């Protein structure tokens, strides 16, 4: 019997996939489950996989690597797909694919499998990442093959005694890690309907909270402390997720353009991601000069698209990352953030490398800026427009 390594979340799709791979392909299934901050009990997931008849069940805590090698590079790029989505799910897929390949190689497996559908982006991310790292491995996507409706899949699970957390009454598909929580399916598929409050877990408003201020410190683009206390990036992300979430901050309701060409409605809870990206951008606004600021935004948009499209291991992403890393050399300082119900704002920012010069910018006293030089600058800067206007049609002979 051939072996296949399945990315196993413990949810409906991948639990059903274990039985499907046994029955349809007659394969020995090895599962891989990783903790990326979704607060799962790895021992319980391992036990569930073993009860479903897998040959081996690997479980690993990869939160540290997820933050250091994926979240922080994306934060330095202020990565937001379509200016909205912080790429929480998209960032996790190349890391999972990396370890699928590792387990497959260690067990002499020729196949890896994932639980992605034929309509989603994750199928692209897993397939391309695996092939980029191990072109000899074959990828199986059971959910893409069987083409069950959600109802049929639940029925299959019931018939085969597969215990899963999804029911007809709770039809949502949820993905969660340190950088965000995504929810889709059910009534959320109608963009006219307001998301029900019970789908939210991270952003439930805690009553009677006064406005709160938080100071975030950065060194070379990396968050290193909160309110003067040195913390690891993981601790910072977890703390902001909790604190901002209590104010209902971090909800995103996005009509998203998927890579496969369809529009989909995605609901995200991303408190720390949104706060940290905005805070990081605030430091950059002080230390980057105009041309670097403007050009980096172009790079950020392309970089975000590349991650969303599943091209993490592509040389273009790696090349853009080198540019982004160079831009972070002076992104050091601190930002003061104000939390209020459902909203947050940057109310203060400081950097020892700040290019903001009060004596140049002020209108309250005599400035060091030269008004006389401004006149000459305008004449030189506007010279092409002036020459073009002189040769316009109204000045030409008939």
Protein backbone atom coordinates (compact mmCIF):
# COMPACT_ATOMS: atom_id res chain seq x y z
CA UNK A 1 0.00 0.00 0.00
CA UNK A 2 1.21 3.48 -0.88
CA UNK A 3 1.50 6.12 1.82
CA UNK A 4 -0.04 9.58 1.81
CA UNK A 5 0.62 12.40 4.27
CA UNK A 6 -2.54 14.37 5.01
CA UNK A 7 -2.62 17.90 6.44
CA UNK A 8 -5.08 17.17 9.25
CA UNK A 9 -6.96 19.87 11.12
CA UNK A 10 -9.37 17.59 12.96
CA UNK A 11 -12.32 19.22 11.21
CA UNK A 12 -14.96 17.88 8.87
CA UNK A 13 -13.09 17.92 5.55
CA UNK A 14 -9.88 16.27 6.68
CA UNK A 15 -11.60 13.77 8.98
CA UNK A 16 -13.75 12.59 6.09
CA UNK A 17 -10.64 12.61 3.89
CA UNK A 18 -8.98 9.94 6.04
CA UNK A 19 -11.79 7.48 5.32
CA UNK A 20 -11.95 8.54 1.69
CA UNK A 21 -8.25 7.95 1.10
CA UNK A 22 -8.54 4.53 2.74
CA UNK A 23 -11.59 3.52 0.72
CA UNK A 24 -10.94 5.07 -2.70
CA UNK A 25 -7.15 4.87 -2.96
CA UNK A 26 -6.43 2.00 -0.55
CA UNK A 27 -3.65 4.08 0.98
CA UNK A 28 -2.00 4.16 4.37
CA UNK A 29 -2.73 7.62 5.79
CA UNK A 30 -0.24 9.57 7.88
CA UNK A 31 -1.57 12.77 9.39
CA UNK A 32 0.22 16.02 10.16
CA UNK A 33 -1.34 18.52 12.57
CA UNK A 34 0.39 21.76 13.48
CA UNK A 35 -0.42 24.34 16.14
CA UNK A 36 -0.15 27.83 14.67
CA UNK A 37 -1.98 29.50 17.53
CA UNK A 38 -5.47 28.12 16.97
CA UNK A 39 -5.60 26.96 20.59
CA UNK A 40 -6.13 23.30 19.77
CA UNK A 41 -5.34 20.37 22.01
CA UNK A 42 -2.74 18.52 19.97
CA UNK A 43 -3.12 15.36 22.03
CA UNK A 44 -6.87 15.26 21.36
CA UNK A 45 -6.38 15.78 17.63
CA UNK A 46 -3.77 13.04 17.54
CA UNK A 47 -6.11 10.68 19.38
CA UNK A 48 -8.94 11.50 16.98
CA UNK A 49 -6.75 10.75 13.97
CA UNK A 50 -5.60 7.46 15.49
CA UNK A 51 -9.20 6.41 16.15
CA UNK A 52 -9.91 7.00 12.46
CA UNK A 53 -7.27 4.43 11.58
CA UNK A 54 -4.20 6.39 10.49
CA UNK A 55 -0.79 4.73 10.42
CA UNK A 56 0.94 7.63 12.18
CA UNK A 57 -0.22 10.96 13.56
CA UNK A 58 2.34 13.76 13.76
CA UNK A 59 1.58 16.81 15.89
CA UNK A 60 3.89 19.82 16.19
CA UNK A 61 3.81 23.26 17.75
CA UNK A 62 5.10 25.61 15.03
CA UNK A 63 3.94 28.96 16.42
CA UNK A 64 7.47 30.30 16.82
CA UNK A 65 8.44 29.50 13.24
CA UNK A 66 5.12 30.82 11.95
CA UNK A 67 5.72 34.19 13.59
CA UNK A 68 9.43 34.53 12.81
CA UNK A 69 9.47 33.23 9.23
CA UNK A 70 6.03 34.21 7.91
CA UNK A 71 4.10 36.75 10.02
CA UNK A 72 7.00 39.16 10.65
CA UNK A 73 8.12 39.30 6.99
CA UNK A 74 4.51 40.04 6.02
CA UNK A 75 4.18 42.68 8.76
CA UNK A 76 7.27 44.45 7.46
CA UNK A 77 5.48 44.61 4.10
CA UNK A 78 2.23 45.88 5.70
CA UNK A 79 0.67 43.00 3.75
CA UNK A 80 -3.07 43.44 3.15
CA UNK A 81 -4.68 41.72 0.18
CA UNK A 82 -6.91 44.23 -1.62
CA UNK A 83 -5.98 46.66 1.14
CA UNK A 84 -8.20 44.73 3.57
CA UNK A 85 -7.23 41.16 4.39
CA UNK A 86 -4.04 40.56 6.48
CA UNK A 87 -3.48 37.14 4.85
CA UNK A 88 -3.76 35.12 8.07
CA UNK A 89 -4.81 31.87 6.38
CA UNK A 90 -2.67 32.42 3.29
CA UNK A 91 0.49 32.84 5.39
CA UNK A 92 -0.01 29.52 7.17
CA UNK A 93 -0.26 27.34 4.05
CA UNK A 94 3.38 27.42 2.90
CA UNK A 95 4.54 26.51 6.41
CA UNK A 96 2.17 23.53 6.56
CA UNK A 97 3.27 22.50 3.07
CA UNK A 98 6.91 22.64 4.16
CA UNK A 99 6.24 20.10 6.91
CA UNK A 100 4.04 17.92 4.70
CA UNK A 101 7.08 17.53 2.46
CA UNK A 102 9.32 16.84 5.47
CA UNK A 103 7.06 14.07 6.81
CA UNK A 104 6.60 12.57 3.34
CA UNK A 105 10.35 12.37 2.82
CA UNK A 106 10.93 10.83 6.24
CA UNK A 107 8.28 8.15 5.61
CA UNK A 108 9.06 7.45 1.95
CA UNK A 109 5.58 8.60 0.97
CA UNK A 110 4.93 9.46 -2.67
CA UNK A 111 1.79 11.47 -1.98
CA UNK A 112 0.60 14.34 0.18
CA UNK A 113 -3.01 15.43 0.62
CA UNK A 114 -4.99 18.42 1.85
CA UNK A 115 -8.63 19.16 2.54
CA UNK A 116 -9.14 22.09 0.15
CA UNK A 117 -12.09 22.54 -2.18
CA UNK A 118 -11.98 23.18 -5.91
CA UNK A 119 -13.34 26.71 -5.48
CA UNK A 120 -10.91 28.05 -2.92
CA UNK A 121 -7.47 29.61 -2.87
CA UNK A 122 -5.91 27.11 -0.47
CA UNK A 123 -5.79 24.35 -3.07
CA UNK A 124 -3.51 26.58 -5.14
CA UNK A 125 -1.37 27.49 -2.15
CA UNK A 126 -0.82 23.89 -1.05
CA UNK A 127 -0.30 22.46 -4.53
CA UNK A 128 2.21 25.10 -5.61
CA UNK A 129 4.08 25.14 -2.29
CA UNK A 130 4.49 21.36 -2.25
CA UNK A 131 5.62 21.25 -5.88
CA UNK A 132 8.02 24.14 -5.29
CA UNK A 133 9.71 22.21 -2.48
CA UNK A 134 9.40 18.65 -3.83
CA UNK A 135 8.49 18.39 -7.53
CA UNK A 136 8.50 14.57 -7.28
CA UNK A 137 5.60 14.43 -4.80
CA UNK A 138 2.03 14.00 -6.03
CA UNK A 139 -0.79 15.99 -4.45
CA UNK A 140 -4.25 14.55 -3.76
CA UNK A 141 -7.18 16.79 -2.85
CA UNK A 142 -10.08 14.54 -1.78
CA UNK A 143 -12.59 17.34 -1.27
CA UNK A 144 -11.84 18.65 -4.76
CA UNK A 145 -12.36 15.17 -6.18
CA UNK A 146 -15.49 14.00 -4.42
CA UNK A 147 -17.42 17.24 -5.05
CA UNK A 148 -19.79 16.68 -2.13
CA UNK A 149 -22.13 19.44 -1.06
CA UNK A 150 -21.69 20.45 2.57
CA UNK A 151 -24.84 18.52 3.42
CA UNK A 152 -23.62 15.39 1.63
CA UNK A 153 -20.28 15.59 3.40
CA UNK A 154 -21.95 15.80 6.81
CA UNK A 155 -24.12 12.83 5.85
CA UNK A 156 -21.02 10.84 4.83
CA UNK A 157 -19.44 11.61 8.21
CA UNK A 158 -22.55 10.45 10.06
CA UNK A 159 -22.77 7.22 8.03
CA UNK A 160 -19.11 6.41 8.69
CA UNK A 161 -19.17 7.33 12.39
CA UNK A 162 -16.72 10.19 11.92
CA UNK A 163 -16.90 12.60 14.88
CA UNK A 164 -16.66 16.20 13.62
CA UNK A 165 -17.47 19.63 15.10
CA UNK A 166 -19.58 20.71 12.09
CA UNK A 167 -23.34 20.01 12.07
CA UNK A 168 -26.30 21.03 9.99
CA UNK A 169 -27.02 23.64 12.65
CA UNK A 170 -23.41 24.90 12.63
CA UNK A 171 -22.33 24.87 8.98
CA UNK A 172 -19.47 27.36 9.16
CA UNK A 173 -15.98 26.66 7.88
CA UNK A 174 -13.44 28.23 10.25
CA UNK A 175 -9.68 28.62 10.02
CA UNK A 176 -7.71 30.08 12.88
CA UNK A 177 -4.13 30.94 13.77
CA UNK A 178 -2.21 33.64 15.65
CA UNK A 179 -2.64 36.19 12.86
CA UNK A 180 -6.39 35.82 12.41
CA UNK A 181 -9.60 33.87 12.34
CA UNK A 182 -11.66 33.38 9.16
CA UNK A 183 -15.30 32.31 8.95
CA UNK A 184 -17.26 31.39 5.84
CA UNK A 185 -20.28 29.35 4.78
CA UNK A 186 -23.89 29.19 5.91
CA UNK A 187 -25.86 32.40 5.79
CA UNK A 188 -22.61 34.35 5.33
CA UNK A 189 -22.80 33.41 1.66
CA UNK A 190 -25.54 36.04 1.26
CA UNK A 191 -23.74 39.43 1.26
CA UNK A 192 -27.00 41.23 2.03
CA UNK A 193 -27.31 39.58 5.44
CA UNK A 194 -25.55 40.92 8.51
CA UNK A 195 -23.19 38.36 10.10
CA UNK A 196 -24.80 36.88 13.22
CA UNK A 197 -23.07 37.85 16.44
CA UNK A 198 -22.55 34.26 17.49
CA UNK A 199 -19.96 33.61 14.76
CA UNK A 200 -17.48 35.94 16.45
CA UNK A 201 -15.11 34.61 19.08
CA UNK A 202 -12.17 37.02 19.31
CA UNK A 203 -14.04 40.32 19.00
CA UNK A 204 -16.86 40.12 21.51
CA UNK A 205 -17.19 43.54 23.15
CA UNK A 206 -16.60 43.58 26.89
CA UNK A 207 -19.02 46.11 28.42
CA UNK A 208 -18.10 49.21 30.43
CA UNK A 209 -14.53 49.50 29.20
CA UNK A 210 -13.06 53.02 29.24
CA UNK A 211 -10.84 54.09 26.32
CA UNK A 212 -7.41 52.51 26.63
CA UNK A 213 -3.98 53.52 25.40
CA UNK A 214 -1.24 51.08 24.43
CA UNK A 215 2.36 51.82 23.47
CA UNK A 216 3.95 49.47 20.92
CA UNK A 217 7.73 49.47 20.44
CA UNK A 218 9.48 48.44 17.22
CA UNK A 219 13.09 47.67 16.32
CA UNK A 220 13.93 47.42 12.62
CA UNK A 221 10.31 46.68 11.78
CA UNK A 222 9.79 44.02 14.45
CA UNK A 223 7.46 44.60 17.45
CA UNK A 224 9.55 44.13 20.59
CA UNK A 225 7.52 45.54 23.48
CA UNK A 226 4.23 46.76 24.89
CA UNK A 227 3.86 49.67 27.32
CA UNK A 228 7.59 49.74 28.00
CA UNK A 229 7.85 46.01 28.73
CA UNK A 230 10.02 43.89 26.45
CA UNK A 231 8.00 41.01 24.97
CA UNK A 232 8.36 38.37 22.29
CA UNK A 233 6.43 38.96 19.07
CA UNK A 234 4.18 35.98 19.93
CA UNK A 235 3.28 37.49 23.31
CA UNK A 236 2.66 40.88 21.70
CA UNK A 237 0.31 39.37 19.11
CA UNK A 238 -1.58 37.35 21.73
CA UNK A 239 -1.92 40.37 24.03
CA UNK A 240 -3.19 42.72 21.32
CA UNK A 241 -5.62 40.06 20.07
CA UNK A 242 -7.08 39.86 23.58
CA UNK A 243 -7.11 43.57 24.45
CA UNK A 244 -8.29 44.90 21.07
CA UNK A 245 -10.79 42.06 20.81
CA UNK A 246 -12.45 43.17 24.05
CA UNK A 247 -13.22 46.48 22.32
CA UNK A 248 -14.73 44.71 19.30
CA UNK A 249 -11.76 45.77 17.16
CA UNK A 250 -10.60 43.69 14.22
CA UNK A 251 -13.72 42.58 12.34
CA UNK A 252 -13.45 42.51 8.56
CA UNK A 253 -16.38 41.78 6.22
CA UNK A 254 -14.78 41.45 2.79
CA UNK A 255 -16.09 40.67 -0.70
CA UNK A 256 -12.92 39.05 -1.92
CA UNK A 257 -11.63 38.37 -5.42
CA UNK A 258 -10.35 34.83 -5.30
CA UNK A 259 -7.54 33.66 -7.50
CA UNK A 260 -9.85 31.15 -9.22
CA UNK A 261 -11.97 34.01 -10.53
CA UNK A 262 -15.01 34.04 -8.26
CA UNK A 263 -16.04 36.55 -5.65
CA UNK A 264 -16.62 35.30 -2.14
CA UNK A 265 -17.67 36.83 1.14
CA UNK A 266 -15.12 36.36 3.89
CA UNK A 267 -15.48 37.32 7.54
CA UNK A 268 -12.25 37.81 9.47
CA UNK A 269 -11.32 38.56 13.06
CA UNK A 270 -7.83 40.08 12.95
CA UNK A 271 -7.32 42.47 15.90
CA UNK A 272 -3.54 42.20 16.33
CA UNK A 273 -2.86 42.06 12.60
CA UNK A 274 -4.72 45.30 11.86
CA UNK A 275 -3.32 47.14 14.89
CA UNK A 276 0.28 46.08 14.26
CA UNK A 277 0.16 46.83 10.53
CA UNK A 278 -1.20 50.30 11.16
CA UNK A 279 1.31 50.94 13.95
CA UNK A 280 4.19 49.69 11.81
CA UNK A 281 3.06 51.93 8.94
CA UNK A 282 3.03 54.87 11.35
CA UNK A 283 6.73 54.40 12.15
CA UNK A 284 7.52 54.09 8.45
CA UNK A 285 5.72 57.36 7.77
CA UNK A 286 8.28 59.10 9.99
CA UNK A 287 11.46 57.48 8.72
CA UNK A 288 10.94 56.87 4.99
CA UNK A 289 11.36 59.78 2.61
CA UNK A 290 8.70 60.52 0.01
CA UNK A 291 9.95 58.41 -2.90
CA UNK A 292 10.64 55.36 -0.72
CA UNK A 293 7.22 55.66 0.93
CA UNK A 294 5.41 55.87 -2.40
CA UNK A 295 7.36 53.08 -4.07
CA UNK A 296 7.10 50.72 -1.09
CA UNK A 297 3.30 50.90 -1.32
CA UNK A 298 3.52 49.58 -4.88
CA UNK A 299 5.73 46.73 -3.67
CA UNK A 300 3.39 46.03 -0.74
CA UNK A 301 0.43 45.56 -3.05
CA UNK A 302 2.31 43.15 -5.30
CA UNK A 303 3.81 41.31 -2.34
CA UNK A 304 0.33 40.81 -0.82
CA UNK A 305 -0.99 39.45 -4.10
CA UNK A 306 1.89 37.00 -4.37
CA UNK A 307 1.17 35.59 -0.90
CA UNK A 308 -2.56 35.41 -1.58
CA UNK A 309 -1.89 33.57 -4.85
CA UNK A 310 0.19 30.92 -3.07
CA UNK A 311 3.61 31.94 -4.40
CA UNK A 312 5.49 32.19 -1.10
CA UNK A 313 8.41 30.10 -2.38
CA UNK A 314 8.54 31.93 -5.71
CA UNK A 315 11.78 33.84 -6.44
CA UNK A 316 9.80 37.04 -6.98
CA UNK A 317 8.53 36.94 -3.39
CA UNK A 318 12.06 36.29 -2.16
CA UNK A 319 13.41 39.19 -4.23
CA UNK A 320 10.73 41.56 -2.97
CA UNK A 321 11.46 40.40 0.58
CA UNK A 322 15.06 41.52 0.17
CA UNK A 323 13.86 44.99 -0.81
CA UNK A 324 11.45 45.08 2.13
CA UNK A 325 14.14 44.02 4.61
CA UNK A 326 16.35 46.88 3.39
CA UNK A 327 13.54 49.37 4.08
CA UNK A 328 13.32 48.27 7.72
CA UNK A 329 16.76 49.43 8.83
CA UNK A 330 15.35 52.61 10.40
CA UNK A 331 11.86 51.40 11.33
CA UNK A 332 12.59 51.76 15.03
CA UNK A 333 10.52 53.68 17.54
CA UNK A 334 7.22 53.56 19.35
CA UNK A 335 3.57 54.15 18.58
CA UNK A 336 0.74 55.08 20.94
CA UNK A 337 -2.58 53.45 20.05
CA UNK A 338 -5.99 54.40 21.45
CA UNK A 339 -8.65 51.69 21.73
CA UNK A 340 -12.34 52.57 21.88
CA UNK A 341 -15.47 50.57 21.13
CA UNK A 342 -15.18 49.09 17.66
CA UNK A 343 -12.30 51.31 16.62
CA UNK A 344 -8.68 52.21 17.22
CA UNK A 345 -6.45 55.07 16.14
CA UNK A 346 -2.78 56.04 16.15
CA UNK A 347 -2.48 59.04 18.48
CA UNK A 348 1.28 59.32 18.78
CA UNK A 349 4.44 58.16 17.03
CA UNK A 350 8.16 58.60 17.64
CA UNK A 351 11.40 57.43 16.08
CA UNK A 352 15.02 58.48 16.66
CA UNK A 353 15.34 58.35 12.85
CA UNK A 354 12.32 60.57 12.23
CA UNK A 355 12.58 62.86 9.20
CA UNK A 356 9.90 65.13 10.63
CA UNK A 357 11.55 68.49 11.42
CA UNK A 358 9.44 70.83 13.55
CA UNK A 359 11.46 73.87 12.59
CA UNK A 360 10.79 73.20 8.92
CA UNK A 361 7.12 72.26 9.31
CA UNK A 362 5.84 74.78 11.85
CA UNK A 363 3.57 77.74 11.04
CA UNK A 364 3.65 78.98 14.63
CA UNK A 365 7.01 80.72 14.44
CA UNK A 366 9.56 81.80 11.92
CA UNK A 367 10.53 78.63 10.07
CA UNK A 368 13.93 77.60 8.76
CA UNK A 369 12.21 76.84 5.46
CA UNK A 370 13.16 79.34 2.73
CA UNK A 371 10.17 80.91 0.98
CA UNK A 372 12.50 82.54 -1.52
CA UNK A 373 13.90 79.17 -2.61
CA UNK A 374 10.34 77.87 -2.97
CA UNK A 375 9.67 80.33 -5.80
CA UNK A 376 12.63 79.11 -7.82
CA UNK A 377 11.78 75.48 -7.09
CA UNK A 378 8.26 75.92 -8.43
CA UNK A 379 9.54 77.51 -11.64
CA UNK A 380 11.98 74.67 -12.31
CA UNK A 381 9.55 71.92 -11.25
CA UNK A 382 6.78 73.36 -13.42
CA UNK A 383 8.97 74.08 -16.44
CA UNK A 384 7.73 71.06 -18.51
CA UNK A 385 4.11 72.09 -17.93
CA UNK A 386 4.92 75.70 -18.80
CA UNK A 387 6.63 74.72 -22.06
CA UNK A 388 3.80 72.36 -22.98
CA UNK A 389 1.24 75.08 -22.38
CA UNK A 390 3.17 77.52 -24.60
CA UNK A 391 2.85 75.09 -27.48
CA UNK A 392 -0.83 74.28 -26.92
CA UNK A 393 -3.36 74.59 -29.76
CA UNK A 394 -4.62 78.01 -28.70
CA UNK A 395 -1.15 79.44 -29.23
CA UNK A 396 -0.54 77.75 -32.59
CA UNK A 397 -1.08 79.54 -35.90
CA UNK A 398 -4.16 78.57 -37.93
